[in-house]
PDB file of N, CA and C in Angstrom:
ATOM      1  N   MET A   1      28.523  13.673 -14.988  1.00  0.00           N
ATOM      2  CA  MET A   1      27.412  12.750 -15.147  1.00  0.00           C
ATOM      3  C   MET A   1      26.567  12.762 -13.870  1.00  0.00           C
ATOM      4  N   THR A   2      25.279  12.944 -14.015  1.00  0.00           N
ATOM      5  CA  THR A   2      24.388  12.984 -12.850  1.00  0.00           C
ATOM      6  C   THR A   2      23.847  11.590 -12.549  1.00  0.00           C
ATOM      7  N   GLU A   3      23.691  11.315 -11.264  1.00  0.00           N
ATOM      8  CA  GLU A   3      23.147  10.027 -10.860  1.00  0.00           C
ATOM      9  C   GLU A   3      21.637  10.125 -10.734  1.00  0.00           C
ATOM     10  N   LEU A   4      20.969   9.044 -11.092  1.00  0.00           N
ATOM     11  CA  LEU A   4      19.517   9.001 -10.967  1.00  0.00           C
ATOM     12  C   LEU A   4      19.141   8.673  -9.536  1.00  0.00           C
ATOM     13  N   LYS A   5      18.103   9.334  -9.044  1.00  0.00           N
ATOM     14  CA  LYS A   5      17.616   9.085  -7.694  1.00  0.00           C
ATOM     15  C   LYS A   5      16.746   7.835  -7.671  1.00  0.00           C
ATOM     16  N   GLU A   6      16.929   7.033  -6.650  1.00  0.00           N
ATOM     17  CA  GLU A   6      16.066   5.869  -6.460  1.00  0.00           C
ATOM     18  C   GLU A   6      14.704   6.335  -5.976  1.00  0.00           C
ATOM     19  N   PRO A   7      13.615   5.700  -6.425  1.00  0.00           N
ATOM     20  CA  PRO A   7      12.298   6.079  -5.907  1.00  0.00           C
ATOM     21  C   PRO A   7      12.191   5.776  -4.415  1.00  0.00           C
ATOM     22  N   SER A   8      11.489   6.639  -3.680  1.00  0.00           N
ATOM     23  CA  SER A   8      11.408   6.471  -2.233  1.00  0.00           C
ATOM     24  C   SER A   8      10.200   5.648  -1.808  1.00  0.00           C
ATOM     25  N   SER A   9       9.386   5.222  -2.760  1.00  0.00           N
ATOM     26  CA  SER A   9       8.223   4.422  -2.413  1.00  0.00           C
ATOM     27  C   SER A   9       8.157   3.193  -3.295  1.00  0.00           C
ATOM     28  N   ARG A  10       7.532   2.177  -2.783  1.00  0.00           N
ATOM     29  CA  ARG A  10       7.432   0.909  -3.488  1.00  0.00           C
ATOM     30  C   ARG A  10       5.986   0.419  -3.458  1.00  0.00           C
ATOM     31  N   PHE A  11       5.728  -0.603  -4.246  1.00  0.00           N
ATOM     32  CA  PHE A  11       4.456  -1.304  -4.150  1.00  0.00           C
ATOM     33  C   PHE A  11       4.562  -2.298  -2.999  1.00  0.00           C
ATOM     34  N   VAL A  12       3.465  -2.492  -2.281  1.00  0.00           N
ATOM     35  CA  VAL A  12       3.455  -3.436  -1.165  1.00  0.00           C
ATOM     36  C   VAL A  12       2.288  -4.404  -1.314  1.00  0.00           C
ATOM     37  N   LYS A  13       2.532  -5.646  -0.929  1.00  0.00           N
ATOM     38  CA  LYS A  13       1.471  -6.649  -0.904  1.00  0.00           C
ATOM     39  C   LYS A  13       0.928  -6.681   0.511  1.00  0.00           C
ATOM     40  N   ILE A  14      -0.390  -6.496   0.657  1.00  0.00           N
ATOM     41  CA  ILE A  14      -1.015  -6.439   1.973  1.00  0.00           C
ATOM     42  C   ILE A  14      -2.118  -7.490   2.078  1.00  0.00           C
ATOM     43  N   ARG A  15      -2.481  -7.829   3.327  1.00  0.00           N
ATOM     44  CA  ARG A  15      -3.552  -8.800   3.581  1.00  0.00           C
ATOM     45  C   ARG A  15      -4.619  -8.146   4.454  1.00  0.00           C
ATOM     46  N   CYS A  16      -5.856  -8.238   4.027  1.00  0.00           N
ATOM     47  CA  CYS A  16      -6.980  -7.679   4.773  1.00  0.00           C
ATOM     48  C   CYS A  16      -7.143  -8.426   6.099  1.00  0.00           C
ATOM     49  N   PRO A  17      -7.254  -7.700   7.218  1.00  0.00           N
ATOM     50  CA  PRO A  17      -7.401  -8.365   8.515  1.00  0.00           C
ATOM     51  C   PRO A  17      -8.774  -9.011   8.699  1.00  0.00           C
ATOM     52  N   LYS A  18      -9.744  -8.593   7.913  1.00  0.00           N
ATOM     53  CA  LYS A  18     -11.105  -9.116   8.072  1.00  0.00           C
ATOM     54  C   LYS A  18     -11.338 -10.397   7.268  1.00  0.00           C
ATOM     55  N   CYS A  19     -11.014 -10.370   5.976  1.00  0.00           N
ATOM     56  CA  CYS A  19     -11.327 -11.524   5.124  1.00  0.00           C
ATOM     57  C   CYS A  19     -10.098 -12.258   4.582  1.00  0.00           C
ATOM     58  N   LYS A  20      -8.894 -11.783   4.925  1.00  0.00           N
ATOM     59  CA  LYS A  20      -7.622 -12.405   4.529  1.00  0.00           C
ATOM     60  C   LYS A  20      -7.331 -12.322   3.027  1.00  0.00           C
ATOM     61  N   ASN A  21      -8.023 -11.449   2.309  1.00  0.00           N
ATOM     62  CA  ASN A  21      -7.728 -11.246   0.897  1.00  0.00           C
ATOM     63  C   ASN A  21      -6.395 -10.528   0.752  1.00  0.00           C
ATOM     64  N   GLU A  22      -5.594 -10.924  -0.229  1.00  0.00           N
ATOM     65  CA  GLU A  22      -4.310 -10.281  -0.494  1.00  0.00           C
ATOM     66  C   GLU A  22      -4.424  -9.411  -1.734  1.00  0.00           C
ATOM     67  N   GLN A  23      -3.851  -8.209  -1.668  1.00  0.00           N
ATOM     68  CA  GLN A  23      -3.810  -7.340  -2.827  1.00  0.00           C
ATOM     69  C   GLN A  23      -2.571  -6.461  -2.777  1.00  0.00           C
ATOM     70  N   ILE A  24      -2.273  -5.835  -3.898  1.00  0.00           N
ATOM     71  CA  ILE A  24      -1.078  -5.007  -4.028  1.00  0.00           C
ATOM     72  C   ILE A  24      -1.509  -3.555  -4.139  1.00  0.00           C
ATOM     73  N   THR A  25      -0.819  -2.674  -3.407  1.00  0.00           N
ATOM     74  CA  THR A  25      -1.107  -1.248  -3.442  1.00  0.00           C
ATOM     75  C   THR A  25       0.204  -0.463  -3.439  1.00  0.00           C
ATOM     76  N   PHE A  26       0.114   0.830  -3.695  1.00  0.00           N
ATOM     77  CA  PHE A  26       1.280   1.696  -3.720  1.00  0.00           C
ATOM     78  C   PHE A  26       1.528   2.258  -2.326  1.00  0.00           C
ATOM     79  N   GLY A  27       2.774   2.351  -1.928  1.00  0.00           N
ATOM     80  CA  GLY A  27       3.123   2.806  -0.594  1.00  0.00           C
ATOM     81  C   GLY A  27       2.805   4.265  -0.316  1.00  0.00           C
ATOM     82  N   LYS A  28       2.675   5.091  -1.364  1.00  0.00           N
ATOM     83  CA  LYS A  28       2.336   6.504  -1.206  1.00  0.00           C
ATOM     84  C   LYS A  28       1.037   6.807  -1.940  1.00  0.00           C
ATOM     85  N   SER A  29       0.027   6.022  -1.675  1.00  0.00           N
ATOM     86  CA  SER A  29      -1.257   6.164  -2.339  1.00  0.00           C
ATOM     87  C   SER A  29      -1.906   7.505  -1.986  1.00  0.00           C
ATOM     88  N   SER A  30      -2.461   8.187  -2.980  1.00  0.00           N
ATOM     89  CA  SER A  30      -3.117   9.473  -2.740  1.00  0.00           C
ATOM     90  C   SER A  30      -4.626   9.321  -2.618  1.00  0.00           C
ATOM     91  N   ALA A  31      -5.106   8.084  -2.689  1.00  0.00           N
ATOM     92  CA  ALA A  31      -6.538   7.829  -2.547  1.00  0.00           C
ATOM     93  C   ALA A  31      -6.742   6.678  -1.557  1.00  0.00           C
ATOM     94  N   GLU A  32      -7.915   6.628  -0.972  1.00  0.00           N
ATOM     95  CA  GLU A  32      -8.252   5.560  -0.035  1.00  0.00           C
ATOM     96  C   GLU A  32      -8.345   4.236  -0.797  1.00  0.00           C
ATOM     97  N   VAL A  33      -7.760   3.185  -0.249  1.00  0.00           N
ATOM     98  CA  VAL A  33      -7.801   1.864  -0.868  1.00  0.00           C
ATOM     99  C   VAL A  33      -8.648   0.948   0.006  1.00  0.00           C
ATOM    100  N   LYS A  34      -9.648   0.310  -0.625  1.00  0.00           N
ATOM    101  CA  LYS A  34     -10.527  -0.611   0.094  1.00  0.00           C
ATOM    102  C   LYS A  34     -10.275  -2.033  -0.382  1.00  0.00           C
ATOM    103  N   CYS A  35     -10.597  -2.983   0.496  1.00  0.00           N
ATOM    104  CA  CYS A  35     -10.486  -4.392   0.144  1.00  0.00           C
ATOM    105  C   CYS A  35     -11.457  -4.690  -1.001  1.00  0.00           C
ATOM    106  N   LEU A  36     -10.995  -5.465  -1.957  1.00  0.00           N
ATOM    107  CA  LEU A  36     -11.827  -5.783  -3.114  1.00  0.00           C
ATOM    108  C   LEU A  36     -12.930  -6.776  -2.779  1.00  0.00           C
ATOM    109  N   VAL A  37     -12.792  -7.506  -1.668  1.00  0.00           N
ATOM    110  CA  VAL A  37     -13.771  -8.523  -1.291  1.00  0.00           C
ATOM    111  C   VAL A  37     -14.785  -7.984  -0.291  1.00  0.00           C
ATOM    112  N   CYS A  38     -14.308  -7.439   0.850  1.00  0.00           N
ATOM    113  CA  CYS A  38     -15.219  -7.049   1.934  1.00  0.00           C
ATOM    114  C   CYS A  38     -15.405  -5.536   2.065  1.00  0.00           C
ATOM    115  N   ASN A  39     -14.716  -4.749   1.251  1.00  0.00           N
ATOM    116  CA  ASN A  39     -14.866  -3.287   1.209  1.00  0.00           C
ATOM    117  C   ASN A  39     -14.338  -2.570   2.457  1.00  0.00           C
ATOM    118  N   LYS A  40     -13.491  -3.212   3.273  1.00  0.00           N
ATOM    119  CA  LYS A  40     -12.889  -2.573   4.440  1.00  0.00           C
ATOM    120  C   LYS A  40     -11.770  -1.641   3.978  1.00  0.00           C
ATOM    121  N   VAL A  41     -11.632  -0.473   4.615  1.00  0.00           N
ATOM    122  CA  VAL A  41     -10.568   0.477   4.267  1.00  0.00           C
ATOM    123  C   VAL A  41      -9.230  -0.103   4.726  1.00  0.00           C
ATOM    124  N   LEU A  42      -8.289  -0.260   3.796  1.00  0.00           N
ATOM    125  CA  LEU A  42      -6.974  -0.830   4.094  1.00  0.00           C
ATOM    126  C   LEU A  42      -5.881   0.231   4.116  1.00  0.00           C
ATOM    127  N   VAL A  43      -6.012   1.257   3.295  1.00  0.00           N
ATOM    128  CA  VAL A  43      -4.975   2.280   3.170  1.00  0.00           C
ATOM    129  C   VAL A  43      -5.632   3.655   3.146  1.00  0.00           C
ATOM    130  N   SER A  44      -5.106   4.572   3.968  1.00  0.00           N
ATOM    131  CA  SER A  44      -5.589   5.953   4.000  1.00  0.00           C
ATOM    132  C   SER A  44      -4.452   6.890   3.619  1.00  0.00           C
ATOM    133  N   PRO A  45      -4.716   7.881   2.758  1.00  0.00           N
ATOM    134  CA  PRO A  45      -3.665   8.834   2.396  1.00  0.00           C
ATOM    135  C   PRO A  45      -3.388   9.802   3.538  1.00  0.00           C
ATOM    136  N   THR A  46      -2.129  10.229   3.684  1.00  0.00           N
ATOM    137  CA  THR A  46      -1.768  11.175   4.735  1.00  0.00           C
ATOM    138  C   THR A  46      -1.048  12.396   4.180  1.00  0.00           C
ATOM    139  N   GLY A  47      -0.822  12.445   2.893  1.00  0.00           N
ATOM    140  CA  GLY A  47      -0.090  13.552   2.295  1.00  0.00           C
ATOM    141  C   GLY A  47       1.325  13.147   1.927  1.00  0.00           C
ATOM    142  N   GLY A  48       1.819  12.080   2.504  1.00  0.00           N
ATOM    143  CA  GLY A  48       3.137  11.519   2.192  1.00  0.00           C
ATOM    144  C   GLY A  48       2.967  10.025   2.055  1.00  0.00           C
ATOM    145  N   LYS A  49       3.643   9.301   2.915  1.00  0.00           N
ATOM    146  CA  LYS A  49       3.436   7.857   2.927  1.00  0.00           C
ATOM    147  C   LYS A  49       2.050   7.551   3.462  1.00  0.00           C
ATOM    148  N   SER A  50       1.436   6.519   2.935  1.00  0.00           N
ATOM    149  CA  SER A  50       0.074   6.160   3.334  1.00  0.00           C
ATOM    150  C   SER A  50       0.061   5.462   4.684  1.00  0.00           C
ATOM    151  N   ARG A  51      -1.072   5.564   5.380  1.00  0.00           N
ATOM    152  CA  ARG A  51      -1.275   4.810   6.622  1.00  0.00           C
ATOM    153  C   ARG A  51      -1.902   3.477   6.221  1.00  0.00           C
ATOM    154  N   ILE A  52      -1.149   2.404   6.420  1.00  0.00           N
ATOM    155  CA  ILE A  52      -1.609   1.071   6.028  1.00  0.00           C
ATOM    156  C   ILE A  52      -2.228   0.394   7.234  1.00  0.00           C
ATOM    157  N   ARG A  53      -3.497  -0.013   7.096  1.00  0.00           N
ATOM    158  CA  ARG A  53      -4.237  -0.640   8.186  1.00  0.00           C
ATOM    159  C   ARG A  53      -4.422  -2.131   7.919  1.00  0.00           C
ATOM    160  N   ALA A  54      -3.417  -2.735   7.350  1.00  0.00           N
ATOM    161  CA  ALA A  54      -3.450  -4.162   7.040  1.00  0.00           C
ATOM    162  C   ALA A  54      -2.044  -4.708   7.252  1.00  0.00           C
ATOM    163  N   ARG A  55      -1.912  -6.010   7.269  1.00  0.00           N
ATOM    164  CA  ARG A  55      -0.595  -6.629   7.439  1.00  0.00           C
ATOM    165  C   ARG A  55       0.174  -6.553   6.121  1.00  0.00           C
ATOM    166  N   ILE A  56       1.400  -6.054   6.207  1.00  0.00           N
ATOM    167  CA  ILE A  56       2.268  -5.989   5.034  1.00  0.00           C
ATOM    168  C   ILE A  56       2.949  -7.341   4.896  1.00  0.00           C
ATOM    169  N   LEU A  57       2.718  -7.990   3.762  1.00  0.00           N
ATOM    170  CA  LEU A  57       3.301  -9.310   3.513  1.00  0.00           C
ATOM    171  C   LEU A  57       4.649  -9.210   2.819  1.00  0.00           C
ATOM    172  N   GLU A  58       4.769  -8.244   1.921  1.00  0.00           N
ATOM    173  CA  GLU A  58       5.984  -8.161   1.113  1.00  0.00           C
ATOM    174  C   GLU A  58       6.109  -6.770   0.517  1.00  0.00           C
ATOM    175  N   VAL A  59       7.341  -6.273   0.425  1.00  0.00           N
ATOM    176  CA  VAL A  59       7.619  -5.016  -0.280  1.00  0.00           C
ATOM    177  C   VAL A  59       8.197  -5.395  -1.621  1.00  0.00           C
ATOM    178  N   LEU A  60       7.543  -4.989  -2.682  1.00  0.00           N
ATOM    179  CA  LEU A  60       7.947  -5.386  -4.041  1.00  0.00           C
ATOM    180  C   LEU A  60       8.931  -4.377  -4.615  1.00  0.00           C
ATOM    181  N   ASP A  61       9.980  -4.873  -5.250  1.00  0.00           N
ATOM    182  CA  ASP A  61      10.988  -4.001  -5.872  1.00  0.00           C
ATOM    183  C   ASP A  61      10.679  -3.741  -7.311  1.00  0.00           C
TER     184      ASP A  61
END
């Protein structure tokens, strides 16, 4: 019997440093993520795990 691998990335709840808006994004995002309120870049793709430029509030399981 083969065991299933756990996913290595999770969804994270982040807070924009400029306007304090909270939103949820994927930890390995392949596209740039901007704040929905002030349009500031919060997440940049790096080819693996994303570079998060906001405060991480919670890692969602």
